[in-house]
Amino acid sequence: MAPRLPRLYRGLAEWWPLLSAYASYRGEAAAFRRTLLAACAVPPRTVLELGSGGGNSASHLKRHFQMTLVDVAPRMLALSRRVNPECEHVRGDMRSIRLGRLFDAVFIHDAIAYMTTERDLARAIRTAAAHCRPGGALLIAPDHVRDSFSPHASHGGHDGRGRALRYLEWTWDPDPRDATYVVEMVYALREGRRAPRVIHERHLQGLFALRVWRRLLREAGFAPRVAIDPWRREVLVGQRRGRLSSAGSPGAPRPRRS
């Protein structure tokens, strides 16, 4: 059974565009596009995004790819449909969904952080492998990896029509011995002339070493590498091994070199 969704993606979902503006993803999406183009054996046309949320990345990537967007939160999918009506939207858990078709590339942004155990991370990567054609690529952009994690805080927010949101985000690791960290989110929500209401929510997120990422990618049939994005963050890239048979189905993955 899927864990209970954070309140941000349920009752507070309508506030999402004031917390995370679509325009702010333009530069990041351009960098992801370049990485996918470089990672695929042939230029990708179809892209599956797992954990697509409110559709922020897709709002820019859809100009270049035919996007299929999967998310577990119905209200986030509803937001994305408003912004990306030309994209296919499917409700599903990235650990278990199977669409029965292959894509030229698979993309997972920061939603991968909600995989808080190695088992769940492996399941999400296997889902990507089940949907990625040989020669295609998987791009995963986690917020943090264990190797370079450091505590930090940030703040932001936006004004909308008749309401506004400001947030404080405090990221820290209560126990460096385990595979999780915590993001404390404080939302200040103001509607009309009323005083803001303040909500605190804790997000438990997964934190894995690069050696774990590489191993899980190899085990799922990808040839992994680590890239550094323009903001000096690690992103995981894997080209899918194997080849298409004459019938168009994936052949057996090529054996790995020792």
C-alpha atoms as a PDB file:
ATOM      1  CA  MET A   1       0.000   0.000   0.000  1.00  0.00           C
ATOM      2  CA  ALA A   2       1.272   3.484  -0.840  1.00  0.00           C
ATOM      3  CA  PRO A   3       2.114   5.672   2.163  1.00  0.00           C
ATOM      4  CA  ARG A   4      -0.169   8.533   3.029  1.00  0.00           C
ATOM      5  CA  LEU A   5       0.590  11.511   0.823  1.00  0.00           C
ATOM      6  CA  PRO A   6       1.947  14.686   2.404  1.00  0.00           C
ATOM      7  CA  ARG A   7      -0.685  17.351   2.946  1.00  0.00           C
ATOM      8  CA  LEU A   8       1.030  19.533   0.341  1.00  0.00           C
ATOM      9  CA  TYR A   9      -0.115  17.114  -2.365  1.00  0.00           C
ATOM     10  CA  ARG A  10      -3.618  16.615  -0.964  1.00  0.00           C
ATOM     11  CA  GLY A  11      -5.554  19.392   0.778  1.00  0.00           C
ATOM     12  CA  LEU A  12      -2.958  22.063  -0.005  1.00  0.00           C
ATOM     13  CA  ALA A  13      -2.443  21.067  -3.642  1.00  0.00           C
ATOM     14  CA  GLU A  14      -4.265  24.136  -4.993  1.00  0.00           C
ATOM     15  CA  TRP A  15      -1.551  26.271  -3.412  1.00  0.00           C
ATOM     16  CA  TRP A  16       1.194  24.468  -5.322  1.00  0.00           C
ATOM     17  CA  PRO A  17       1.619  27.052  -8.133  1.00  0.00           C
ATOM     18  CA  LEU A  18       2.297  29.723  -5.492  1.00  0.00           C
ATOM     19  CA  LEU A  19       4.953  27.568  -3.861  1.00  0.00           C
ATOM     20  CA  SER A  20       6.644  26.281  -7.007  1.00  0.00           C
ATOM     21  CA  ALA A  21       6.125  28.527 -10.038  1.00  0.00           C
ATOM     22  CA  TYR A  22       6.118  26.913 -13.478  1.00  0.00           C
ATOM     23  CA  ALA A  23       8.376  29.599 -14.977  1.00  0.00           C
ATOM     24  CA  SER A  24      11.120  28.829 -12.460  1.00  0.00           C
ATOM     25  CA  TYR A  25      11.649  25.392 -14.031  1.00  0.00           C
ATOM     26  CA  ARG A  26      12.649  26.691 -17.476  1.00  0.00           C
ATOM     27  CA  GLY A  27      16.426  26.557 -17.006  1.00  0.00           C
ATOM     28  CA  GLU A  28      16.341  23.236 -15.197  1.00  0.00           C
ATOM     29  CA  ALA A  29      14.142  21.653 -17.886  1.00  0.00           C
ATOM     30  CA  ALA A  30      16.521  22.852 -20.596  1.00  0.00           C
ATOM     31  CA  ALA A  31      19.429  21.185 -18.785  1.00  0.00           C
ATOM     32  CA  PHE A  32      17.450  17.945 -18.398  1.00  0.00           C
ATOM     33  CA  ARG A  33      16.614  17.998 -22.106  1.00  0.00           C
ATOM     34  CA  ARG A  34      20.277  18.328 -23.064  1.00  0.00           C
ATOM     35  CA  THR A  35      21.196  15.458 -20.769  1.00  0.00           C
ATOM     36  CA  LEU A  36      18.518  13.178 -22.219  1.00  0.00           C
ATOM     37  CA  LEU A  37      19.525  13.988 -25.786  1.00  0.00           C
ATOM     38  CA  ALA A  38      23.137  13.144 -25.011  1.00  0.00           C
ATOM     39  CA  ALA A  39      22.259   9.926 -23.173  1.00  0.00           C
ATOM     40  CA  CYS A  40      20.005   8.298 -25.780  1.00  0.00           C
ATOM     41  CA  ALA A  41      21.381   6.276 -28.694  1.00  0.00           C
ATOM     42  CA  VAL A  42      18.942   8.061 -31.005  1.00  0.00           C
ATOM     43  CA  PRO A  43      17.130  11.380 -30.372  1.00  0.00           C
ATOM     44  CA  PRO A  44      14.164  10.632 -28.079  1.00  0.00           C
ATOM     45  CA  ARG A  45      10.632  11.469 -29.126  1.00  0.00           C
ATOM     46  CA  THR A  46       8.521   9.914 -26.349  1.00  0.00           C
ATOM     47  CA  VAL A  47       9.277  10.523 -22.671  1.00  0.00           C
ATOM     48  CA  LEU A  48       7.632   9.009 -19.593  1.00  0.00           C
ATOM     49  CA  GLU A  49       7.860  11.128 -16.455  1.00  0.00           C
ATOM     50  CA  LEU A  50       7.328   9.261 -13.198  1.00  0.00           C
ATOM     51  CA  GLY A  51       6.305  11.409 -10.235  1.00  0.00           C
ATOM     52  CA  SER A  52       5.339  14.329 -12.466  1.00  0.00           C
ATOM     53  CA  GLY A  53       3.578  16.283  -9.704  1.00  0.00           C
ATOM     54  CA  GLY A  54       1.972  19.515 -10.835  1.00  0.00           C
ATOM     55  CA  GLY A  55       3.576  19.250 -14.276  1.00  0.00           C
ATOM     56  CA  ASN A  56       6.235  21.925 -13.763  1.00  0.00           C
ATOM     57  CA  SER A  57       9.006  20.198 -15.727  1.00  0.00           C
ATOM     58  CA  ALA A  58       6.588  18.919 -18.351  1.00  0.00           C
ATOM     59  CA  SER A  59       5.318  22.444 -19.015  1.00  0.00           C
ATOM     60  CA  HIS A  60       8.700  23.087 -20.668  1.00  0.00           C
ATOM     61  CA  LEU A  61       9.725  19.608 -21.874  1.00  0.00           C
ATOM     62  CA  LYS A  62       6.461  19.048 -23.779  1.00  0.00           C
ATOM     63  CA  ARG A  63       7.672  21.451 -26.472  1.00  0.00           C
ATOM     64  CA  HIS A  64      10.353  18.946 -27.370  1.00  0.00           C
ATOM     65  CA  PHE A  65       8.932  15.532 -26.458  1.00  0.00           C
ATOM     66  CA  GLN A  66       5.641  13.657 -26.436  1.00  0.00           C
ATOM     67  CA  MET A  67       5.133  13.403 -22.675  1.00  0.00           C
ATOM     68  CA  THR A  68       3.247  10.828 -20.615  1.00  0.00           C
ATOM     69  CA  LEU A  69       2.926  11.954 -16.998  1.00  0.00           C
ATOM     70  CA  VAL A  70       2.434   9.602 -14.054  1.00  0.00           C
ATOM     71  CA  ASP A  71       1.791  10.655 -10.472  1.00  0.00           C
ATOM     72  CA  VAL A  72       0.212   9.057  -7.429  1.00  0.00           C
ATOM     73  CA  ALA A  73      -1.595  12.226  -6.238  1.00  0.00           C
ATOM     74  CA  PRO A  74      -4.933  12.912  -7.992  1.00  0.00           C
ATOM     75  CA  ARG A  75      -4.963  16.612  -7.100  1.00  0.00           C
ATOM     76  CA  MET A  76      -1.484  17.143  -8.479  1.00  0.00           C
ATOM     77  CA  LEU A  77      -2.491  15.413 -11.704  1.00  0.00           C
ATOM     78  CA  ALA A  78      -5.500  17.722 -11.913  1.00  0.00           C
ATOM     79  CA  LEU A  79      -3.202  20.750 -11.647  1.00  0.00           C
ATOM     80  CA  SER A  80      -0.956  19.353 -14.360  1.00  0.00           C
ATOM     81  CA  ARG A  81      -3.882  18.683 -16.690  1.00  0.00           C
ATOM     82  CA  ARG A  82      -4.785  22.377 -16.560  1.00  0.00           C
ATOM     83  CA  VAL A  83      -1.271  23.409 -17.554  1.00  0.00           C
ATOM     84  CA  ASN A  84      -0.453  20.477 -19.847  1.00  0.00           C
ATOM     85  CA  PRO A  85      -3.735  19.436 -21.478  1.00  0.00           C
ATOM     86  CA  GLU A  86      -1.908  18.054 -24.500  1.00  0.00           C
ATOM     87  CA  CYS A  87      -0.015  15.506 -22.358  1.00  0.00           C
ATOM     88  CA  GLU A  88      -1.282  12.075 -21.346  1.00  0.00           C
ATOM     89  CA  HIS A  89      -1.849  11.818 -17.591  1.00  0.00           C
ATOM     90  CA  VAL A  90      -2.013   8.547 -15.658  1.00  0.00           C
ATOM     91  CA  ARG A  91      -2.506   8.026 -11.946  1.00  0.00           C
ATOM     92  CA  GLY A  92      -0.053   5.496 -10.588  1.00  0.00           C
ATOM     93  CA  ASP A  93       2.723   4.694  -8.127  1.00  0.00           C
ATOM     94  CA  MET A  94       6.221   4.794  -9.634  1.00  0.00           C
ATOM     95  CA  ARG A  95       7.095   1.672  -7.668  1.00  0.00           C
ATOM     96  CA  SER A  96       4.511  -0.524  -9.334  1.00  0.00           C
ATOM     97  CA  ILE A  97       2.798   1.012 -12.373  1.00  0.00           C
ATOM     98  CA  ARG A  98       3.073  -0.865 -15.659  1.00  0.00           C
ATOM     99  CA  LEU A  99       1.714   0.772 -18.818  1.00  0.00           C
ATOM    100  CA  GLY A 100       2.623  -2.092 -21.156  1.00  0.00           C
ATOM    101  CA  ARG A 101       4.606   0.044 -23.612  1.00  0.00           C
ATOM    102  CA  LEU A 102       8.077   1.423 -24.148  1.00  0.00           C
ATOM    103  CA  PHE A 103       9.309   5.001 -24.292  1.00  0.00           C
ATOM    104  CA  ASP A 104      12.435   6.528 -25.767  1.00  0.00           C
ATOM    105  CA  ALA A 105      13.376   7.925 -22.357  1.00  0.00           C
ATOM    106  CA  VAL A 106      12.192   7.972 -18.752  1.00  0.00           C
ATOM    107  CA  PHE A 107      12.576  10.951 -16.435  1.00  0.00           C
ATOM    108  CA  ILE A 108      12.200  11.149 -12.644  1.00  0.00           C
ATOM    109  CA  HIS A 109      12.706  14.479 -10.929  1.00  0.00           C
ATOM    110  CA  ASP A 110      12.670  15.166  -7.181  1.00  0.00           C
ATOM    111  CA  ALA A 111       9.687  12.883  -6.506  1.00  0.00           C
ATOM    112  CA  ILE A 112      12.279  10.102  -6.277  1.00  0.00           C
ATOM    113  CA  ALA A 113      13.080  11.521  -2.818  1.00  0.00           C
ATOM    114  CA  TYR A 114       9.929   9.860  -1.462  1.00  0.00           C
ATOM    115  CA  MET A 115      11.565   6.467  -2.008  1.00  0.00           C
ATOM    116  CA  THR A 116      12.857   6.163   1.560  1.00  0.00           C
ATOM    117  CA  THR A 117      14.137   2.577   1.467  1.00  0.00           C
ATOM    118  CA  GLU A 118      16.533   0.879  -0.915  1.00  0.00           C
ATOM    119  CA  ARG A 119      13.784  -1.604  -1.745  1.00  0.00           C
ATOM    120  CA  ASP A 120      11.406   1.130  -2.885  1.00  0.00           C
ATOM    121  CA  LEU A 121      14.178   2.903  -4.801  1.00  0.00           C
ATOM    122  CA  ALA A 122      14.969  -0.341  -6.605  1.00  0.00           C
ATOM    123  CA  ARG A 123      11.277  -0.809  -7.449  1.00  0.00           C
ATOM    124  CA  ALA A 124      11.073   2.678  -8.953  1.00  0.00           C
ATOM    125  CA  ILE A 125      14.177   2.062 -11.056  1.00  0.00           C
ATOM    126  CA  ARG A 126      12.768  -1.284 -12.231  1.00  0.00           C
ATOM    127  CA  THR A 127       9.587   0.525 -13.266  1.00  0.00           C
ATOM    128  CA  ALA A 128      11.703   2.875 -15.356  1.00  0.00           C
ATOM    129  CA  ALA A 129      13.507  -0.099 -16.912  1.00  0.00           C
ATOM    130  CA  ALA A 130      10.181  -1.778 -17.758  1.00  0.00           C
ATOM    131  CA  HIS A 131       9.191   1.291 -19.801  1.00  0.00           C
ATOM    132  CA  CYS A 132      12.497   2.292 -21.408  1.00  0.00           C
ATOM    133  CA  ARG A 133      13.404   0.922 -24.806  1.00  0.00           C
ATOM    134  CA  PRO A 134      16.947  -0.423 -25.308  1.00  0.00           C
ATOM    135  CA  GLY A 135      19.233   2.403 -26.330  1.00  0.00           C
ATOM    136  CA  GLY A 136      16.953   4.841 -24.530  1.00  0.00           C
ATOM    137  CA  ALA A 137      17.864   6.545 -21.296  1.00  0.00           C
ATOM    138  CA  LEU A 138      16.746   7.102 -17.741  1.00  0.00           C
ATOM    139  CA  LEU A 139      17.448  10.439 -16.066  1.00  0.00           C
ATOM    140  CA  ILE A 140      16.922  10.778 -12.307  1.00  0.00           C
ATOM    141  CA  ALA A 141      17.435  14.141 -10.623  1.00  0.00           C
ATOM    142  CA  PRO A 142      17.325  13.686  -6.831  1.00  0.00           C
ATOM    143  CA  ASP A 143      17.543  16.697  -4.578  1.00  0.00           C
ATOM    144  CA  HIS A 144      20.360  15.072  -2.601  1.00  0.00           C
ATOM    145  CA  VAL A 145      22.703  12.108  -2.528  1.00  0.00           C
ATOM    146  CA  ARG A 146      24.485  10.917   0.589  1.00  0.00           C
ATOM    147  CA  ASP A 147      27.952  11.760  -0.780  1.00  0.00           C
ATOM    148  CA  SER A 148      27.357  15.513  -0.917  1.00  0.00           C
ATOM    149  CA  PHE A 149      24.473  16.102   1.499  1.00  0.00           C
ATOM    150  CA  SER A 150      24.653  19.133   3.767  1.00  0.00           C
ATOM    151  CA  PRO A 151      21.910  20.761   5.879  1.00  0.00           C
ATOM    152  CA  HIS A 152      20.464  23.986   4.521  1.00  0.00           C
ATOM    153  CA  ALA A 153      17.453  26.291   4.618  1.00  0.00           C
ATOM    154  CA  SER A 154      15.668  28.302   1.951  1.00  0.00           C
ATOM    155  CA  HIS A 155      12.526  30.347   1.585  1.00  0.00           C
ATOM    156  CA  GLY A 156      10.270  31.661  -1.156  1.00  0.00           C
ATOM    157  CA  GLY A 157       6.714  31.899  -2.396  1.00  0.00           C
ATOM    158  CA  HIS A 158       4.514  33.914  -4.734  1.00  0.00           C
ATOM    159  CA  ASP A 159       1.433  36.128  -4.841  1.00  0.00           C
ATOM    160  CA  GLY A 160      -1.673  35.044  -6.700  1.00  0.00           C
ATOM    161  CA  ARG A 161      -5.139  36.446  -7.297  1.00  0.00           C
ATOM    162  CA  GLY A 162      -6.604  37.176  -3.895  1.00  0.00           C
ATOM    163  CA  ARG A 163      -4.129  35.018  -2.042  1.00  0.00           C
ATOM    164  CA  ALA A 164      -0.414  34.532  -1.429  1.00  0.00           C
ATOM    165  CA  LEU A 165       1.966  31.915  -0.058  1.00  0.00           C
ATOM    166  CA  ARG A 166       5.352  32.095   1.606  1.00  0.00           C
ATOM    167  CA  TYR A 167       7.354  29.120   2.783  1.00  0.00           C
ATOM    168  CA  LEU A 168      10.380  28.193   4.834  1.00  0.00           C
ATOM    169  CA  GLU A 169      12.180  24.971   3.898  1.00  0.00           C
ATOM    170  CA  TRP A 170      14.673  23.519   6.383  1.00  0.00           C
ATOM    171  CA  THR A 171      16.552  20.408   5.280  1.00  0.00           C
ATOM    172  CA  TRP A 172      18.509  18.381   7.844  1.00  0.00           C
ATOM    173  CA  ASP A 173      19.507  14.841   8.748  1.00  0.00           C
ATOM    174  CA  PRO A 174      18.505  13.655  12.234  1.00  0.00           C
ATOM    175  CA  ASP A 175      20.470  10.394  11.893  1.00  0.00           C
ATOM    176  CA  PRO A 176      23.409  10.227   9.434  1.00  0.00           C
ATOM    177  CA  ARG A 177      23.548   6.457   9.968  1.00  0.00           C
ATOM    178  CA  ASP A 178      20.294   5.756   8.127  1.00  0.00           C
ATOM    179  CA  ALA A 179      19.121   6.333   4.548  1.00  0.00           C
ATOM    180  CA  THR A 180      16.752   9.243   5.127  1.00  0.00           C
ATOM    181  CA  TYR A 181      16.729  12.954   5.804  1.00  0.00           C
ATOM    182  CA  VAL A 182      13.988  15.374   6.777  1.00  0.00           C
ATOM    183  CA  VAL A 183      12.573  18.466   5.120  1.00  0.00           C
ATOM    184  CA  GLU A 184      10.643  20.697   7.499  1.00  0.00           C
ATOM    185  CA  MET A 185       8.179  22.803   5.498  1.00  0.00           C
ATOM    186  CA  VAL A 186       6.417  25.800   7.019  1.00  0.00           C
ATOM    187  CA  TYR A 187       3.697  27.347   4.836  1.00  0.00           C
ATOM    188  CA  ALA A 188       2.192  30.778   5.509  1.00  0.00           C
ATOM    189  CA  LEU A 189      -1.060  31.024   3.535  1.00  0.00           C
ATOM    190  CA  ARG A 190      -2.903  34.313   3.175  1.00  0.00           C
ATOM    191  CA  GLU A 191      -6.327  34.759   1.586  1.00  0.00           C
ATOM    192  CA  GLY A 192      -7.757  38.226   1.000  1.00  0.00           C
ATOM    193  CA  ARG A 193      -7.173  40.577   3.935  1.00  0.00           C
ATOM    194  CA  ARG A 194      -7.233  37.844   6.546  1.00  0.00           C
ATOM    195  CA  ALA A 195      -4.170  37.109   8.648  1.00  0.00           C
ATOM    196  CA  PRO A 196      -2.047  34.266   7.259  1.00  0.00           C
ATOM    197  CA  ARG A 197      -2.517  30.777   8.643  1.00  0.00           C
ATOM    198  CA  VAL A 198       0.695  28.871   9.274  1.00  0.00           C
ATOM    199  CA  ILE A 199       1.109  25.136   8.699  1.00  0.00           C
ATOM    200  CA  HIS A 200       4.118  22.967   9.488  1.00  0.00           C
ATOM    201  CA  GLU A 201       4.665  19.667   7.712  1.00  0.00           C
ATOM    202  CA  ARG A 202       7.562  17.217   7.857  1.00  0.00           C
ATOM    203  CA  HIS A 203       8.619  15.369   4.699  1.00  0.00           C
ATOM    204  CA  LEU A 204      10.712  12.215   5.205  1.00  0.00           C
ATOM    205  CA  GLN A 205      12.922  11.632   2.172  1.00  0.00           C
ATOM    206  CA  GLY A 206      15.442   9.054   0.986  1.00  0.00           C
ATOM    207  CA  LEU A 207      19.191   9.631   0.981  1.00  0.00           C
ATOM    208  CA  PHE A 208      21.402   7.126  -0.842  1.00  0.00           C
ATOM    209  CA  ALA A 209      25.080   6.978  -1.716  1.00  0.00           C
ATOM    210  CA  LEU A 210      26.133   7.165  -5.361  1.00  0.00           C
ATOM    211  CA  ARG A 211      27.452   3.603  -5.138  1.00  0.00           C
ATOM    212  CA  VAL A 212      23.907   2.449  -4.268  1.00  0.00           C
ATOM    213  CA  TRP A 213      22.398   4.391  -7.177  1.00  0.00           C
ATOM    214  CA  ARG A 214      24.941   2.909  -9.609  1.00  0.00           C
ATOM    215  CA  ARG A 215      24.377  -0.630  -8.363  1.00  0.00           C
ATOM    216  CA  LEU A 216      20.598  -0.420  -8.601  1.00  0.00           C
ATOM    217  CA  LEU A 217      20.792   1.058 -12.089  1.00  0.00           C
ATOM    218  CA  ARG A 218      23.121  -1.730 -13.254  1.00  0.00           C
ATOM    219  CA  GLU A 219      20.891  -4.391 -11.705  1.00  0.00           C
ATOM    220  CA  ALA A 220      17.885  -2.958 -13.589  1.00  0.00           C
ATOM    221  CA  GLY A 221      19.679  -3.117 -16.948  1.00  0.00           C
ATOM    222  CA  PHE A 222      21.098   0.391 -17.297  1.00  0.00           C
ATOM    223  CA  ALA A 223      24.672   1.458 -17.975  1.00  0.00           C
ATOM    224  CA  PRO A 224      24.942   4.148 -15.287  1.00  0.00           C
ATOM    225  CA  ARG A 225      26.917   7.336 -14.970  1.00  0.00           C
ATOM    226  CA  VAL A 226      26.769  10.405 -12.762  1.00  0.00           C
ATOM    227  CA  ALA A 227      26.472  13.836 -14.387  1.00  0.00           C
ATOM    228  CA  ILE A 228      26.739  17.243 -12.766  1.00  0.00           C
ATOM    229  CA  ASP A 229      24.071  19.763 -13.673  1.00  0.00           C
ATOM    230  CA  PRO A 230      24.677  23.538 -14.029  1.00  0.00           C
ATOM    231  CA  TRP A 231      23.866  23.989 -10.325  1.00  0.00           C
ATOM    232  CA  ARG A 232      26.555  21.476  -9.275  1.00  0.00           C
ATOM    233  CA  ARG A 233      24.042  18.798  -8.311  1.00  0.00           C
ATOM    234  CA  GLU A 234      24.490  15.119  -9.094  1.00  0.00           C
ATOM    235  CA  VAL A 235      22.042  13.566 -11.552  1.00  0.00           C
ATOM    236  CA  LEU A 236      21.913   9.875 -12.403  1.00  0.00           C
ATOM    237  CA  VAL A 237      21.887   8.856 -16.048  1.00  0.00           C
ATOM    238  CA  GLY A 238      21.578   5.364 -17.443  1.00  0.00           C
ATOM    239  CA  GLN A 239      21.329   4.082 -21.010  1.00  0.00           C
ATOM    240  CA  ARG A 240      19.163   0.978 -21.283  1.00  0.00           C
ATOM    241  CA  ARG A 241      21.161  -2.049 -22.358  1.00  0.00           C
ATOM    242  CA  GLY A 242      19.857  -4.601 -24.835  1.00  0.00           C
ATOM    243  CA  ARG A 243      18.419  -4.389 -28.306  1.00  0.00           C
ATOM    244  CA  LEU A 244      15.040  -4.587 -29.986  1.00  0.00           C
ATOM    245  CA  SER A 245      14.087  -7.899 -31.580  1.00  0.00           C
ATOM    246  CA  SER A 246      12.613  -8.020 -35.065  1.00  0.00           C
ATOM    247  CA  ALA A 247       9.168  -8.051 -33.445  1.00  0.00           C
ATOM    248  CA  GLY A 248       9.946  -4.796 -31.697  1.00  0.00           C
ATOM    249  CA  SER A 249      10.179  -6.155 -28.167  1.00  0.00           C
ATOM    250  CA  PRO A 250      13.232  -5.749 -25.972  1.00  0.00           C
ATOM    251  CA  GLY A 251      15.901  -8.390 -26.341  1.00  0.00           C
ATOM    252  CA  ALA A 252      17.923  -9.733 -23.449  1.00  0.00           C
ATOM    253  CA  PRO A 253      20.241  -7.180 -21.873  1.00  0.00           C
ATOM    254  CA  ARG A 254      23.855  -7.500 -22.945  1.00  0.00           C
ATOM    255  CA  PRO A 255      26.091  -8.968 -20.234  1.00  0.00           C
ATOM    256  CA  ARG A 256      27.955  -6.389 -18.189  1.00  0.00           C
ATOM    257  CA  ARG A 257      31.699  -6.099 -18.468  1.00  0.00           C
ATOM    258  CA  SER A 258      33.511  -6.951 -15.286  1.00  0.00           C
END
